[in-house]
Amino acid sequence: MLEMKPHCERCDHSLKPESQEAFICSYECTFCKECAEQELRCVCPNCGGELVKRPSRKLNSD
């Protein structure tokens, strides 16, 4: 199961599990859409891997 990190590693923007604005690499480094696409050009600064849109996680309504 993916670790749903709650913040962008670059700008500290909040990223909820259901967010459509989170990007990750294969090591689960996590960035917001703006940092991933505009600043990092979809390349992880930590490992050099590709940043892709993180799947969202539906919250339980229990």
Protein backbone atom coordinates (compact mmCIF):
# COMPACT_ATOMS: atom_id res chain seq x y z
CA MET A 1 0.00 0.00 0.00
CA LEU A 2 1.25 3.47 -0.85
CA GLU A 3 2.30 5.76 1.96
CA MET A 4 0.12 8.83 1.43
CA LYS A 5 2.56 11.54 2.51
CA PRO A 6 0.62 14.62 3.63
CA HIS A 7 2.86 17.40 2.27
CA CYS A 8 4.90 18.41 -0.77
CA GLU A 9 8.59 17.79 -0.05
CA ARG A 10 9.54 21.02 -1.83
CA CYS A 11 7.03 23.68 -0.72
CA ASP A 12 5.20 21.92 2.17
CA HIS A 13 1.81 22.33 0.46
CA SER A 14 -0.83 20.13 2.14
CA LEU A 15 -1.76 17.00 0.12
CA LYS A 16 -4.70 15.02 1.49
CA PRO A 17 -5.04 11.31 0.59
CA GLU A 18 -7.94 12.12 -1.75
CA SER A 19 -5.98 14.92 -3.48
CA GLN A 20 -5.76 14.93 -7.28
CA GLU A 21 -2.77 17.31 -7.06
CA ALA A 22 -0.08 14.95 -5.71
CA PHE A 23 2.82 13.50 -7.72
CA ILE A 24 5.19 10.70 -6.67
CA CYS A 25 8.25 8.82 -7.94
CA SER A 26 8.85 5.07 -7.57
CA TYR A 27 10.32 5.71 -4.09
CA GLU A 28 7.18 7.66 -3.10
CA CYS A 29 8.92 11.02 -2.88
CA THR A 30 5.90 13.35 -2.91
CA PHE A 31 5.37 16.73 -4.56
CA CYS A 32 2.44 19.00 -5.37
CA LYS A 33 1.34 19.44 -8.98
CA GLU A 34 2.87 22.92 -9.30
CA CYS A 35 6.31 21.87 -8.04
CA ALA A 36 6.30 18.59 -9.99
CA GLU A 37 5.27 20.05 -13.34
CA GLN A 38 6.63 23.59 -13.29
CA GLU A 39 9.68 23.55 -11.04
CA LEU A 40 10.91 19.97 -11.36
CA ARG A 41 9.65 19.17 -14.87
CA CYS A 42 8.39 15.78 -13.61
CA VAL A 43 11.85 14.58 -12.53
CA CYS A 44 12.39 13.66 -8.88
CA PRO A 45 15.26 15.73 -7.42
CA ASN A 46 16.07 12.93 -4.95
CA CYS A 47 16.43 9.90 -7.23
CA GLY A 48 16.15 11.26 -10.79
CA GLY A 49 13.05 9.15 -11.43
CA GLU A 50 9.88 10.19 -13.20
CA LEU A 51 7.20 11.99 -11.20
CA VAL A 52 3.69 10.74 -11.98
CA LYS A 53 0.25 11.55 -10.61
CA ARG A 54 -0.36 9.76 -7.31
CA PRO A 55 -3.57 7.71 -7.15
CA SER A 56 -6.10 9.20 -4.76
CA ARG A 57 -7.43 7.26 -1.82
CA LYS A 58 -11.10 7.37 -0.97
CA LEU A 59 -11.68 8.09 2.69
CA ASN A 60 -13.92 5.72 4.63
CA SER A 61 -17.19 7.28 5.74
CA ASP A 62 -17.49 5.02 8.80
